[in-house]
C-alpha cells in the first residue's frame, strides 16, 4: 500500500515524466481576435471614409452621417463629418474638441469619447480577448464577424460586433447598448501609412466661438 508520502512522490514523478502541460490552443474566435490586433498594431496611421449609422432604441429614429476619419495610433484621431451637417471631432490623446460650426460652440473634454472605441480597435490597442468573451458569427458577404461581449458590465456596451475582410482588416464596427441603441461605423477607401502630419490632430478654436467644458 502506498503511503501519503509515496503517493506524492509517485504523482511528482509522473508529472515530471509527462513534462509541462501544453497550453490550451486558442479558439477560432480568439485566434481571429489576435490576428486583428496584430494586423492593426502595425499601422502607423490611416485615413478612411466612414458612414456612421445611429438608431435610437427609445425613439426608433435613425441618423446616418458620413465623413472622413484620420487616425494616428495610439490615440490621436480626427473625425470630419461632412453629411448631412458639418462638424469636427479632434483628439490629441489627452484633450478632445467637438466643434459644430452651425452652433458656434466647441465642447472641450479631458475624458474619453465613444469614438475612442473604434479608434482603439483600428489601432490594435484594444485587448480584445482580455476585455471580451469572443465568438464567431455569420457576417456580411465576404467578411468574417466577431461577436464581443464585455467580461465586466459596461453601461455603454452590451454587444460589440467587428466585421473584418480576408486580410483581417476591420471594415465595420457595431455597438449595441442595454437601452437598445445601435451605433455602427462602416469604413471604405481605407489607406494606411500615408504619413499624416501631427498638426492634423491639433484643434484651434475659431474666433467668436464659445468653448464649453464637457
N, C-alpha and C. Protein backbone atom coordinates (compact mmCIF):
# COMPACT_ATOMS: atom_id res chain seq x y z
N UNK A 1 0.85 -1.20 0.00
CA UNK A 1 0.00 0.00 0.00
C UNK A 1 0.88 1.24 0.00
N UNK A 2 0.54 2.21 -0.83
CA UNK A 2 1.30 3.43 -0.89
C UNK A 2 0.98 4.32 0.30
N UNK A 3 2.01 4.89 0.90
CA UNK A 3 1.78 5.89 1.95
C UNK A 3 1.49 7.22 1.28
N UNK A 4 1.07 8.20 2.09
CA UNK A 4 0.79 9.52 1.53
C UNK A 4 2.04 10.09 0.89
N UNK A 5 3.21 9.87 1.56
CA UNK A 5 4.46 10.37 1.03
C UNK A 5 4.80 9.67 -0.28
N UNK A 6 4.55 8.35 -0.30
CA UNK A 6 4.83 7.59 -1.51
C UNK A 6 3.95 8.00 -2.65
N UNK A 7 2.67 8.27 -2.34
CA UNK A 7 1.74 8.69 -3.38
C UNK A 7 2.16 10.04 -3.97
N UNK A 8 2.59 10.96 -3.08
CA UNK A 8 3.04 12.26 -3.53
C UNK A 8 4.24 12.12 -4.46
N UNK A 9 5.18 11.25 -4.06
CA UNK A 9 6.36 11.04 -4.90
C UNK A 9 6.01 10.44 -6.24
N UNK A 10 5.05 9.49 -6.23
CA UNK A 10 4.63 8.87 -7.48
C UNK A 10 4.01 9.87 -8.43
N UNK A 11 3.14 10.77 -7.89
CA UNK A 11 2.50 11.78 -8.72
C UNK A 11 3.53 12.76 -9.28
N UNK A 12 4.47 13.15 -8.43
CA UNK A 12 5.50 14.07 -8.88
C UNK A 12 6.32 13.47 -10.00
N UNK A 13 6.65 12.18 -9.86
CA UNK A 13 7.43 11.50 -10.89
C UNK A 13 6.63 11.41 -12.19
N UNK A 14 5.34 11.14 -12.08
CA UNK A 14 4.50 11.03 -13.27
C UNK A 14 4.41 12.37 -14.00
N UNK A 15 4.25 13.46 -13.20
CA UNK A 15 4.16 14.78 -13.82
C UNK A 15 5.48 15.17 -14.47
N UNK A 16 6.58 14.82 -13.82
CA UNK A 16 7.89 15.13 -14.38
C UNK A 16 8.10 14.37 -15.68
N UNK A 17 7.63 13.13 -15.71
CA UNK A 17 7.80 12.31 -16.91
C UNK A 17 6.95 12.85 -18.05
N UNK A 18 5.76 13.33 -17.66
CA UNK A 18 4.84 13.84 -18.67
C UNK A 18 5.30 15.17 -19.25
N UNK A 19 6.12 15.92 -18.48
CA UNK A 19 6.59 17.22 -18.94
C UNK A 19 5.55 18.29 -18.64
N UNK A 20 5.85 19.54 -18.94
CA UNK A 20 4.91 20.63 -18.66
C UNK A 20 3.64 20.49 -19.48
N UNK A 21 2.52 20.95 -18.88
CA UNK A 21 1.23 20.86 -19.55
C UNK A 21 1.24 21.75 -20.79
N UNK A 22 0.66 21.27 -21.86
CA UNK A 22 0.59 22.05 -23.09
C UNK A 22 -0.43 23.17 -22.94
N UNK A 23 -0.13 24.38 -23.41
CA UNK A 23 -1.12 25.46 -23.31
C UNK A 23 -2.34 25.13 -24.16
N UNK A 24 -3.48 25.57 -23.68
CA UNK A 24 -4.72 25.33 -24.42
C UNK A 24 -4.70 26.15 -25.70
N UNK A 25 -4.89 25.53 -26.84
CA UNK A 25 -4.86 26.29 -28.10
C UNK A 25 -6.04 27.27 -28.15
N UNK A 26 -5.84 28.43 -28.76
CA UNK A 26 -6.93 29.41 -28.83
C UNK A 26 -8.06 28.90 -29.71
N UNK A 27 -9.26 29.33 -29.39
CA UNK A 27 -10.41 29.00 -30.22
C UNK A 27 -10.29 29.78 -31.53
N UNK A 28 -11.04 29.38 -32.58
CA UNK A 28 -11.01 30.15 -33.83
C UNK A 28 -11.34 31.63 -33.63
N UNK A 29 -12.28 31.94 -32.71
CA UNK A 29 -12.64 33.33 -32.45
C UNK A 29 -11.48 34.08 -31.79
N UNK A 30 -10.83 33.43 -30.82
CA UNK A 30 -9.69 34.06 -30.17
C UNK A 30 -8.54 34.26 -31.14
N UNK A 31 -8.31 33.29 -32.00
CA UNK A 31 -7.24 33.40 -32.99
C UNK A 31 -7.50 34.58 -33.93
N UNK A 32 -8.75 34.75 -34.35
CA UNK A 32 -9.09 35.87 -35.21
C UNK A 32 -8.88 37.20 -34.49
N UNK A 33 -9.29 37.25 -33.21
CA UNK A 33 -9.12 38.48 -32.42
C UNK A 33 -7.64 38.86 -32.34
N UNK A 34 -6.78 37.89 -32.12
CA UNK A 34 -5.35 38.16 -32.03
C UNK A 34 -4.79 38.62 -33.38
N UNK A 35 -5.29 38.03 -34.45
CA UNK A 35 -4.82 38.45 -35.78
C UNK A 35 -5.25 39.89 -36.08
N UNK A 36 -6.45 40.24 -35.66
CA UNK A 36 -6.93 41.61 -35.85
C UNK A 36 -6.02 42.59 -35.11
N UNK A 37 -5.69 42.27 -33.86
CA UNK A 37 -4.82 43.14 -33.07
C UNK A 37 -3.45 43.28 -33.74
N UNK A 38 -2.88 42.16 -34.13
CA UNK A 38 -1.55 42.18 -34.75
C UNK A 38 -1.57 42.96 -36.06
N UNK A 39 -2.60 42.73 -36.86
CA UNK A 39 -2.73 43.40 -38.16
C UNK A 39 -2.76 44.91 -38.00
N UNK A 40 -3.56 45.40 -37.05
CA UNK A 40 -3.74 46.84 -36.91
C UNK A 40 -2.64 47.50 -36.09
N UNK A 41 -1.96 46.72 -35.26
CA UNK A 41 -0.88 47.28 -34.46
C UNK A 41 0.29 47.72 -35.35
N UNK A 42 0.38 47.15 -36.53
CA UNK A 42 1.46 47.51 -37.44
C UNK A 42 1.17 48.73 -38.30
N UNK A 43 0.01 49.34 -38.11
CA UNK A 43 -0.38 50.51 -38.91
C UNK A 43 0.09 51.79 -38.20
N UNK A 44 0.88 52.60 -38.89
CA UNK A 44 1.40 53.84 -38.30
C UNK A 44 0.36 54.96 -38.32
N UNK A 45 -0.47 54.97 -39.36
CA UNK A 45 -1.57 55.92 -39.45
C UNK A 45 -2.51 55.44 -40.55
N UNK A 46 -3.70 56.02 -40.60
CA UNK A 46 -4.64 55.64 -41.66
C UNK A 46 -5.68 56.72 -41.86
N UNK A 47 -6.26 56.70 -43.04
CA UNK A 47 -7.42 57.52 -43.35
C UNK A 47 -8.48 56.61 -43.97
N UNK A 48 -9.73 56.97 -43.81
CA UNK A 48 -10.83 56.18 -44.37
C UNK A 48 -12.08 57.03 -44.44
N UNK A 49 -12.91 56.74 -45.42
CA UNK A 49 -14.25 57.31 -45.43
C UNK A 49 -15.12 56.46 -44.51
N UNK A 50 -15.97 57.12 -43.75
CA UNK A 50 -16.83 56.37 -42.83
C UNK A 50 -18.29 56.76 -43.00
N UNK A 51 -19.14 55.79 -42.67
CA UNK A 51 -20.58 56.03 -42.56
C UNK A 51 -20.98 55.60 -41.16
N UNK A 52 -21.49 56.54 -40.38
CA UNK A 52 -21.94 56.25 -39.02
C UNK A 52 -23.47 56.24 -39.01
N UNK A 53 -24.02 55.11 -38.59
CA UNK A 53 -25.47 54.96 -38.53
C UNK A 53 -25.88 54.75 -37.08
N UNK A 54 -26.70 55.65 -36.56
CA UNK A 54 -27.16 55.55 -35.18
C UNK A 54 -28.68 55.40 -35.16
N UNK A 55 -29.14 54.40 -34.42
CA UNK A 55 -30.58 54.18 -34.26
C UNK A 55 -30.93 54.18 -32.79
N UNK A 56 -31.85 55.05 -32.39
CA UNK A 56 -32.26 55.16 -31.00
C UNK A 56 -33.22 54.04 -30.63
N UNK A 57 -32.93 53.35 -29.54
CA UNK A 57 -33.81 52.29 -29.08
C UNK A 57 -35.12 52.83 -28.55
N UNK A 58 -35.10 54.03 -27.94
CA UNK A 58 -36.31 54.60 -27.37
C UNK A 58 -37.21 55.24 -28.42
N UNK A 59 -36.60 55.95 -29.37
CA UNK A 59 -37.38 56.69 -30.35
C UNK A 59 -37.55 55.95 -31.67
N UNK A 60 -36.67 55.00 -31.92
CA UNK A 60 -36.73 54.28 -33.19
C UNK A 60 -36.28 55.11 -34.37
N UNK A 61 -35.67 56.26 -34.08
CA UNK A 61 -35.23 57.17 -35.15
C UNK A 61 -33.80 56.83 -35.56
N UNK A 62 -33.52 56.88 -36.85
CA UNK A 62 -32.19 56.55 -37.36
C UNK A 62 -31.55 57.77 -38.00
N UNK A 63 -30.27 57.97 -37.67
CA UNK A 63 -29.50 59.08 -38.21
C UNK A 63 -28.28 58.51 -38.92
N UNK A 64 -28.05 58.94 -40.16
CA UNK A 64 -26.90 58.47 -40.94
C UNK A 64 -26.01 59.67 -41.23
N UNK A 65 -24.73 59.56 -40.88
CA UNK A 65 -23.76 60.63 -41.09
C UNK A 65 -22.55 60.07 -41.83
N UNK A 66 -21.90 60.93 -42.63
CA UNK A 66 -20.76 60.49 -43.43
C UNK A 66 -19.62 61.48 -43.28
N UNK A 67 -18.40 60.96 -43.44
CA UNK A 67 -17.25 61.84 -43.35
C UNK A 67 -15.95 61.08 -43.56
N UNK A 68 -14.87 61.67 -43.05
CA UNK A 68 -13.53 61.11 -43.21
C UNK A 68 -12.86 60.99 -41.85
N UNK A 69 -12.27 59.84 -41.61
CA UNK A 69 -11.52 59.58 -40.38
C UNK A 69 -10.03 59.62 -40.67
N UNK A 70 -9.28 60.30 -39.80
CA UNK A 70 -7.82 60.27 -39.82
C UNK A 70 -7.37 59.78 -38.46
N UNK A 71 -6.48 58.80 -38.45
CA UNK A 71 -6.09 58.14 -37.20
C UNK A 71 -4.58 57.96 -37.14
N UNK A 72 -4.02 58.28 -35.98
CA UNK A 72 -2.59 58.09 -35.76
C UNK A 72 -2.41 57.48 -34.39
N UNK A 73 -2.13 56.16 -34.32
CA UNK A 73 -2.01 55.49 -33.03
C UNK A 73 -0.92 56.11 -32.17
N UNK A 74 -1.07 55.99 -30.82
CA UNK A 74 -2.10 55.14 -30.20
C UNK A 74 -3.44 55.83 -29.97
N UNK A 75 -3.52 57.16 -29.98
CA UNK A 75 -4.79 57.76 -29.55
C UNK A 75 -5.15 59.07 -30.25
N UNK A 76 -4.44 59.45 -31.29
CA UNK A 76 -4.79 60.67 -31.99
C UNK A 76 -5.78 60.36 -33.11
N UNK A 77 -6.82 61.17 -33.19
CA UNK A 77 -7.83 60.92 -34.22
C UNK A 77 -8.55 62.21 -34.59
N UNK A 78 -9.09 62.20 -35.80
CA UNK A 78 -9.86 63.33 -36.30
C UNK A 78 -11.02 62.78 -37.13
N UNK A 79 -12.24 63.09 -36.70
CA UNK A 79 -13.44 62.69 -37.42
C UNK A 79 -14.04 63.96 -38.05
N UNK A 80 -13.98 64.02 -39.36
CA UNK A 80 -14.56 65.16 -40.09
C UNK A 80 -15.91 64.73 -40.68
N UNK A 81 -16.99 65.17 -40.05
CA UNK A 81 -18.33 64.86 -40.55
C UNK A 81 -18.67 65.86 -41.66
N UNK A 82 -19.13 65.34 -42.80
CA UNK A 82 -19.42 66.20 -43.94
C UNK A 82 -20.89 66.19 -44.35
N UNK A 83 -21.59 65.11 -44.02
CA UNK A 83 -23.01 64.99 -44.35
C UNK A 83 -23.76 64.37 -43.17
N UNK A 84 -24.97 64.80 -42.91
CA UNK A 84 -25.71 65.91 -43.53
C UNK A 84 -25.30 67.27 -42.96
N UNK A 85 -24.55 67.26 -41.84
CA UNK A 85 -24.13 68.51 -41.19
C UNK A 85 -22.63 68.46 -40.96
N UNK A 86 -21.96 69.57 -41.18
CA UNK A 86 -20.53 69.64 -40.95
C UNK A 86 -20.24 69.76 -39.46
N UNK A 87 -19.33 68.92 -38.97
CA UNK A 87 -18.85 69.01 -37.60
C UNK A 87 -17.53 68.25 -37.51
N UNK A 88 -16.77 68.56 -36.47
CA UNK A 88 -15.42 68.00 -36.34
C UNK A 88 -15.18 67.53 -34.92
N UNK A 89 -14.61 66.32 -34.83
CA UNK A 89 -14.16 65.81 -33.53
C UNK A 89 -12.66 65.54 -33.65
N UNK A 90 -11.87 66.16 -32.77
CA UNK A 90 -10.41 66.02 -32.81
C UNK A 90 -9.91 65.66 -31.42
N UNK A 91 -8.98 64.70 -31.36
CA UNK A 91 -8.36 64.33 -30.09
C UNK A 91 -6.86 64.15 -30.30
N UNK A 92 -6.07 64.73 -29.38
CA UNK A 92 -4.62 64.53 -29.43
C UNK A 92 -4.18 63.44 -28.45
N UNK A 93 -5.15 62.72 -27.89
CA UNK A 93 -4.87 61.65 -26.95
C UNK A 93 -5.10 62.04 -25.51
N UNK A 94 -5.14 63.34 -25.24
CA UNK A 94 -5.37 63.84 -23.89
C UNK A 94 -6.61 64.72 -23.82
N UNK A 95 -6.75 65.58 -24.80
CA UNK A 95 -7.88 66.51 -24.83
C UNK A 95 -8.62 66.36 -26.15
N UNK A 96 -9.94 66.40 -26.09
CA UNK A 96 -10.74 66.29 -27.31
C UNK A 96 -11.58 67.55 -27.49
N UNK A 97 -11.86 67.85 -28.75
CA UNK A 97 -12.68 69.01 -29.11
C UNK A 97 -13.76 68.55 -30.08
N UNK A 98 -15.00 68.97 -29.80
CA UNK A 98 -16.11 68.66 -30.69
C UNK A 98 -16.71 69.99 -31.14
N UNK A 99 -16.63 70.25 -32.45
CA UNK A 99 -17.00 71.55 -32.99
C UNK A 99 -18.10 71.41 -34.03
N UNK A 100 -19.20 72.13 -33.78
CA UNK A 100 -20.31 72.19 -34.74
C UNK A 100 -20.42 73.64 -35.20
N UNK A 101 -19.95 73.96 -36.40
CA UNK A 101 -19.95 75.35 -36.87
C UNK A 101 -21.32 76.03 -36.76
N UNK A 102 -22.38 75.30 -37.06
CA UNK A 102 -23.71 75.91 -37.04
C UNK A 102 -24.11 76.37 -35.64
N UNK A 103 -23.57 75.71 -34.61
CA UNK A 103 -23.90 76.07 -33.22
C UNK A 103 -22.97 77.12 -32.65
N UNK A 104 -21.86 77.39 -33.34
CA UNK A 104 -20.85 78.33 -32.84
C UNK A 104 -20.36 77.93 -31.46
N UNK A 105 -20.17 76.63 -31.27
CA UNK A 105 -19.73 76.11 -29.98
C UNK A 105 -18.67 75.03 -30.16
N UNK A 106 -17.76 74.96 -29.21
CA UNK A 106 -16.78 73.89 -29.13
C UNK A 106 -16.89 73.25 -27.75
N UNK A 107 -17.04 71.94 -27.71
CA UNK A 107 -17.07 71.22 -26.44
C UNK A 107 -15.68 70.64 -26.21
N UNK A 108 -15.05 71.02 -25.12
CA UNK A 108 -13.70 70.58 -24.78
C UNK A 108 -13.77 69.59 -23.63
N UNK A 109 -13.14 68.43 -23.81
CA UNK A 109 -13.21 67.40 -22.78
C UNK A 109 -11.82 66.82 -22.52
N UNK A 110 -11.61 66.40 -21.27
CA UNK A 110 -10.38 65.71 -20.91
C UNK A 110 -10.61 64.21 -20.81
N UNK A 111 -11.85 63.79 -20.96
CA UNK A 111 -12.18 62.38 -20.82
C UNK A 111 -12.37 61.74 -22.18
N UNK A 112 -12.57 60.42 -22.15
CA UNK A 112 -12.71 59.67 -23.40
C UNK A 112 -14.06 59.92 -24.05
N UNK A 113 -14.18 59.49 -25.28
CA UNK A 113 -15.40 59.67 -26.07
C UNK A 113 -15.77 58.34 -26.70
N UNK A 114 -17.03 58.21 -27.10
CA UNK A 114 -17.47 56.95 -27.70
C UNK A 114 -16.65 56.58 -28.93
N UNK A 115 -16.13 57.60 -29.63
CA UNK A 115 -15.32 57.32 -30.81
C UNK A 115 -13.98 56.70 -30.47
N UNK A 116 -13.60 56.71 -29.18
CA UNK A 116 -12.33 56.09 -28.78
C UNK A 116 -12.34 54.59 -29.05
N UNK A 117 -13.49 53.94 -28.92
CA UNK A 117 -13.56 52.50 -29.10
C UNK A 117 -13.20 52.09 -30.52
N UNK A 118 -13.82 52.66 -31.57
CA UNK A 118 -13.37 52.32 -32.92
C UNK A 118 -11.89 52.63 -33.13
N UNK A 119 -11.43 53.76 -32.57
CA UNK A 119 -10.03 54.14 -32.75
C UNK A 119 -9.09 53.12 -32.10
N UNK A 120 -9.44 52.64 -30.92
CA UNK A 120 -8.61 51.64 -30.24
C UNK A 120 -8.55 50.34 -31.03
N UNK A 121 -9.69 49.93 -31.58
CA UNK A 121 -9.71 48.70 -32.37
C UNK A 121 -8.91 48.87 -33.66
N UNK A 122 -9.07 50.00 -34.32
CA UNK A 122 -8.37 50.23 -35.57
C UNK A 122 -6.87 50.39 -35.39
N UNK A 123 -6.45 50.82 -34.19
CA UNK A 123 -5.02 51.00 -33.93
C UNK A 123 -4.38 49.75 -33.33
N UNK A 124 -5.20 48.72 -33.04
CA UNK A 124 -4.67 47.49 -32.47
C UNK A 124 -4.33 47.58 -31.00
N UNK A 125 -4.84 48.61 -30.31
CA UNK A 125 -4.51 48.80 -28.90
C UNK A 125 -5.62 48.36 -27.95
N UNK A 126 -6.59 47.64 -28.45
CA UNK A 126 -7.63 47.08 -27.60
C UNK A 126 -7.27 45.63 -27.28
N UNK A 127 -7.28 45.27 -26.01
CA UNK A 127 -7.03 43.88 -25.61
C UNK A 127 -8.35 43.13 -25.76
N UNK A 128 -8.61 42.65 -26.96
CA UNK A 128 -9.93 42.09 -27.26
C UNK A 128 -10.24 40.88 -26.39
N UNK A 129 -9.35 39.90 -26.38
CA UNK A 129 -9.63 38.66 -25.63
C UNK A 129 -9.63 38.91 -24.13
N UNK A 130 -8.80 39.83 -23.66
CA UNK A 130 -8.78 40.13 -22.23
C UNK A 130 -9.99 40.90 -21.76
N UNK A 131 -10.62 41.64 -22.65
CA UNK A 131 -11.74 42.51 -22.27
C UNK A 131 -13.10 41.88 -22.59
N UNK A 132 -13.14 41.03 -23.62
CA UNK A 132 -14.41 40.49 -24.09
C UNK A 132 -14.38 38.96 -24.18
N UNK A 133 -15.56 38.37 -24.03
CA UNK A 133 -15.78 36.99 -24.47
C UNK A 133 -16.01 37.06 -25.97
N UNK A 134 -15.33 36.21 -26.72
CA UNK A 134 -15.38 36.32 -28.18
C UNK A 134 -16.04 35.10 -28.80
N UNK A 135 -16.74 35.32 -29.90
CA UNK A 135 -17.38 34.23 -30.64
C UNK A 135 -17.50 34.63 -32.10
N UNK A 136 -17.54 33.63 -32.96
CA UNK A 136 -17.71 33.89 -34.38
C UNK A 136 -19.18 33.85 -34.75
N UNK A 137 -19.58 34.72 -35.66
CA UNK A 137 -20.93 34.72 -36.19
C UNK A 137 -20.87 34.88 -37.71
N UNK A 138 -21.98 34.59 -38.37
CA UNK A 138 -22.05 34.80 -39.81
C UNK A 138 -22.09 36.29 -40.10
N UNK A 139 -21.15 36.75 -40.92
CA UNK A 139 -21.08 38.16 -41.25
C UNK A 139 -21.62 38.44 -42.64
N UNK A 140 -21.54 39.70 -43.06
CA UNK A 140 -21.94 40.05 -44.43
C UNK A 140 -21.08 39.31 -45.44
N UNK A 141 -21.52 39.25 -46.66
CA UNK A 141 -20.80 38.52 -47.70
C UNK A 141 -19.36 38.99 -47.81
N UNK A 142 -18.43 38.04 -47.78
CA UNK A 142 -17.03 38.34 -47.93
C UNK A 142 -16.33 38.80 -46.67
N UNK A 143 -17.06 38.86 -45.54
CA UNK A 143 -16.47 39.32 -44.29
C UNK A 143 -16.67 38.29 -43.18
N UNK A 144 -15.75 38.28 -42.23
CA UNK A 144 -15.92 37.49 -41.01
C UNK A 144 -16.44 38.41 -39.91
N UNK A 145 -17.29 37.86 -39.06
CA UNK A 145 -17.84 38.67 -37.97
C UNK A 145 -17.46 38.08 -36.63
N UNK A 146 -16.94 38.96 -35.76
CA UNK A 146 -16.56 38.59 -34.40
C UNK A 146 -17.54 39.25 -33.44
N UNK A 147 -18.19 38.45 -32.59
CA UNK A 147 -19.09 39.00 -31.58
C UNK A 147 -18.35 39.11 -30.26
N UNK A 148 -18.39 40.30 -29.66
CA UNK A 148 -17.67 40.57 -28.43
C UNK A 148 -18.67 40.93 -27.32
N UNK A 149 -18.56 40.24 -26.19
CA UNK A 149 -19.41 40.52 -25.03
C UNK A 149 -18.51 40.91 -23.87
N UNK A 150 -18.71 42.10 -23.28
CA UNK A 150 -17.83 42.54 -22.20
C UNK A 150 -17.78 41.53 -21.04
N UNK A 151 -16.57 41.26 -20.56
CA UNK A 151 -16.41 40.35 -19.43
C UNK A 151 -16.94 41.00 -18.14
N UNK A 152 -16.87 42.32 -18.07
CA UNK A 152 -17.41 43.08 -16.95
C UNK A 152 -18.52 43.98 -17.49
N UNK A 153 -19.57 44.21 -16.68
CA UNK A 153 -20.68 45.03 -17.17
C UNK A 153 -20.21 46.40 -17.65
N UNK A 154 -20.69 46.79 -18.82
CA UNK A 154 -20.37 48.09 -19.41
C UNK A 154 -21.69 48.78 -19.77
N UNK A 155 -21.99 49.93 -19.16
CA UNK A 155 -23.27 50.58 -19.43
C UNK A 155 -23.45 50.97 -20.89
N UNK A 156 -22.35 51.24 -21.61
CA UNK A 156 -22.46 51.70 -22.99
C UNK A 156 -22.26 50.59 -24.02
N UNK A 157 -21.93 49.37 -23.54
CA UNK A 157 -21.71 48.27 -24.47
C UNK A 157 -22.35 47.00 -23.94
N UNK A 158 -23.35 46.50 -24.64
CA UNK A 158 -23.92 45.20 -24.31
C UNK A 158 -23.35 44.13 -25.24
N UNK A 159 -23.29 44.46 -26.52
CA UNK A 159 -22.68 43.58 -27.52
C UNK A 159 -21.90 44.46 -28.50
N UNK A 160 -20.81 43.89 -28.99
CA UNK A 160 -20.00 44.59 -29.97
C UNK A 160 -19.69 43.61 -31.10
N UNK A 161 -19.86 44.06 -32.33
CA UNK A 161 -19.60 43.20 -33.49
C UNK A 161 -18.53 43.87 -34.36
N UNK A 162 -17.57 43.07 -34.78
CA UNK A 162 -16.48 43.57 -35.62
C UNK A 162 -16.45 42.75 -36.90
N UNK A 163 -16.58 43.40 -38.04
CA UNK A 163 -16.52 42.72 -39.33
C UNK A 163 -15.15 42.98 -39.96
N UNK A 164 -14.49 41.91 -40.40
CA UNK A 164 -13.16 42.05 -40.99
C UNK A 164 -13.11 41.34 -42.35
N UNK A 165 -12.21 41.83 -43.22
CA UNK A 165 -12.07 41.22 -44.54
C UNK A 165 -11.06 40.08 -44.49
N UNK A 166 -10.73 39.55 -45.65
CA UNK A 166 -9.83 38.39 -45.72
C UNK A 166 -8.43 38.71 -45.22
N UNK A 167 -8.07 39.99 -45.17
CA UNK A 167 -6.76 40.39 -44.66
C UNK A 167 -6.79 40.80 -43.21
N UNK A 168 -7.87 40.46 -42.48
CA UNK A 168 -8.05 40.79 -41.06
C UNK A 168 -8.12 42.31 -40.82
N UNK A 169 -8.50 43.05 -41.83
CA UNK A 169 -8.68 44.50 -41.70
C UNK A 169 -10.12 44.80 -41.31
N UNK A 170 -10.30 45.64 -40.32
CA UNK A 170 -11.64 45.99 -39.84
C UNK A 170 -12.36 46.83 -40.89
N UNK A 171 -13.57 46.40 -41.24
CA UNK A 171 -14.40 47.12 -42.20
C UNK A 171 -15.65 47.72 -41.57
N UNK A 172 -16.06 47.19 -40.42
CA UNK A 172 -17.25 47.75 -39.74
C UNK A 172 -17.22 47.39 -38.27
N UNK A 173 -17.78 48.28 -37.44
CA UNK A 173 -17.91 48.07 -36.00
C UNK A 173 -19.33 48.43 -35.61
N UNK A 174 -20.02 47.53 -34.93
CA UNK A 174 -21.40 47.74 -34.50
C UNK A 174 -21.46 47.62 -32.99
N UNK A 175 -22.03 48.64 -32.33
CA UNK A 175 -22.14 48.66 -30.88
C UNK A 175 -23.61 48.69 -30.48
N UNK A 176 -24.01 47.77 -29.60
CA UNK A 176 -25.36 47.74 -29.05
C UNK A 176 -25.26 47.97 -27.55
N UNK A 177 -26.16 48.81 -26.99
CA UNK A 177 -26.14 49.02 -25.55
C UNK A 177 -27.42 48.49 -24.91
N UNK A 178 -27.48 48.57 -23.58
CA UNK A 178 -28.59 47.99 -22.82
C UNK A 178 -29.91 48.72 -23.07
N UNK A 179 -29.85 49.96 -23.56
CA UNK A 179 -31.06 50.74 -23.83
C UNK A 179 -31.62 50.47 -25.23
N UNK A 180 -30.98 49.57 -25.95
CA UNK A 180 -31.45 49.24 -27.29
C UNK A 180 -30.93 50.16 -28.38
N UNK A 181 -29.99 51.05 -28.03
CA UNK A 181 -29.40 51.92 -29.03
C UNK A 181 -28.39 51.13 -29.87
N UNK A 182 -28.28 51.54 -31.10
CA UNK A 182 -27.43 50.81 -32.06
C UNK A 182 -26.60 51.82 -32.85
N UNK A 183 -25.28 51.65 -32.79
CA UNK A 183 -24.39 52.58 -33.48
C UNK A 183 -23.39 51.78 -34.30
N UNK A 184 -23.33 52.08 -35.60
CA UNK A 184 -22.43 51.35 -36.48
C UNK A 184 -21.51 52.31 -37.24
N UNK A 185 -20.25 51.92 -37.33
CA UNK A 185 -19.27 52.62 -38.13
C UNK A 185 -18.84 51.68 -39.26
N UNK A 186 -19.01 52.10 -40.50
CA UNK A 186 -18.56 51.31 -41.65
C UNK A 186 -17.48 52.11 -42.36
N UNK A 187 -16.40 51.42 -42.78
CA UNK A 187 -15.24 52.10 -43.34
C UNK A 187 -14.98 51.67 -44.78
N UNK A 188 -14.68 52.65 -45.62
CA UNK A 188 -14.37 52.40 -47.03
C UNK A 188 -13.14 53.23 -47.42
N UNK A 189 -12.55 52.86 -48.55
CA UNK A 189 -11.40 53.59 -49.08
C UNK A 189 -10.33 53.77 -47.99
N UNK A 190 -9.99 52.69 -47.33
CA UNK A 190 -9.01 52.73 -46.25
C UNK A 190 -7.60 52.83 -46.85
N UNK A 191 -6.84 53.81 -46.38
CA UNK A 191 -5.45 53.98 -46.81
C UNK A 191 -4.56 54.04 -45.58
N UNK A 192 -3.52 53.22 -45.59
CA UNK A 192 -2.66 53.09 -44.41
C UNK A 192 -1.27 53.65 -44.68
N UNK A 193 -0.62 54.10 -43.57
CA UNK A 193 0.77 54.55 -43.61
C UNK A 193 1.00 55.62 -44.69
N UNK A 194 0.17 56.67 -44.61
CA UNK A 194 0.25 57.75 -45.60
C UNK A 194 1.07 58.93 -45.10
N UNK A 195 1.57 58.86 -43.86
CA UNK A 195 2.40 59.93 -43.32
C UNK A 195 1.61 61.15 -42.88
N UNK A 196 0.57 60.95 -42.07
CA UNK A 196 -0.26 62.07 -41.61
C UNK A 196 0.55 63.02 -40.73
N UNK A 197 0.35 64.32 -40.94
CA UNK A 197 1.04 65.35 -40.17
C UNK A 197 0.41 65.46 -38.78
N UNK A 198 1.24 65.60 -37.76
CA UNK A 198 0.73 65.72 -36.39
C UNK A 198 -0.17 66.94 -36.22
N UNK A 199 0.02 67.96 -37.03
CA UNK A 199 -0.80 69.17 -36.91
C UNK A 199 -2.27 68.90 -37.20
N UNK A 200 -2.54 67.81 -37.89
CA UNK A 200 -3.92 67.45 -38.20
C UNK A 200 -4.73 67.17 -36.93
N UNK A 201 -4.03 66.80 -35.85
CA UNK A 201 -4.71 66.40 -34.62
C UNK A 201 -4.65 67.49 -33.55
N UNK A 202 -4.35 68.71 -33.99
CA UNK A 202 -4.41 69.87 -33.10
C UNK A 202 -5.59 70.73 -33.52
N UNK A 203 -6.32 71.20 -32.54
CA UNK A 203 -7.51 71.99 -32.87
C UNK A 203 -7.33 73.41 -32.38
N UNK A 204 -7.55 74.37 -33.25
CA UNK A 204 -7.52 75.78 -32.91
C UNK A 204 -8.95 76.31 -32.89
N UNK A 205 -9.34 76.83 -31.76
CA UNK A 205 -10.72 77.31 -31.60
C UNK A 205 -10.92 78.55 -32.47
N UNK A 206 -11.90 78.53 -33.36
CA UNK A 206 -12.16 79.71 -34.21
C UNK A 206 -12.56 80.93 -33.37
N UNK A 207 -12.30 82.08 -33.90
CA UNK A 207 -12.68 83.31 -33.20
C UNK A 207 -14.19 83.42 -33.08
N UNK A 208 -14.60 83.93 -31.94
CA UNK A 208 -16.01 84.17 -31.71
C UNK A 208 -16.82 82.92 -31.38
N UNK A 209 -16.13 81.81 -31.16
CA UNK A 209 -16.83 80.55 -30.86
C UNK A 209 -16.75 80.28 -29.35
N UNK A 210 -17.88 79.92 -28.77
CA UNK A 210 -17.93 79.63 -27.34
C UNK A 210 -17.33 78.26 -27.03
N UNK A 211 -16.51 78.20 -25.97
CA UNK A 211 -15.90 76.96 -25.54
C UNK A 211 -16.59 76.48 -24.28
N UNK A 212 -17.07 75.25 -24.31
CA UNK A 212 -17.80 74.67 -23.18
C UNK A 212 -17.04 73.45 -22.67
N UNK A 213 -16.85 73.38 -21.36
CA UNK A 213 -16.19 72.20 -20.78
C UNK A 213 -17.17 71.06 -20.73
N UNK A 214 -16.80 69.93 -21.32
CA UNK A 214 -17.70 68.79 -21.37
C UNK A 214 -17.53 67.86 -20.20
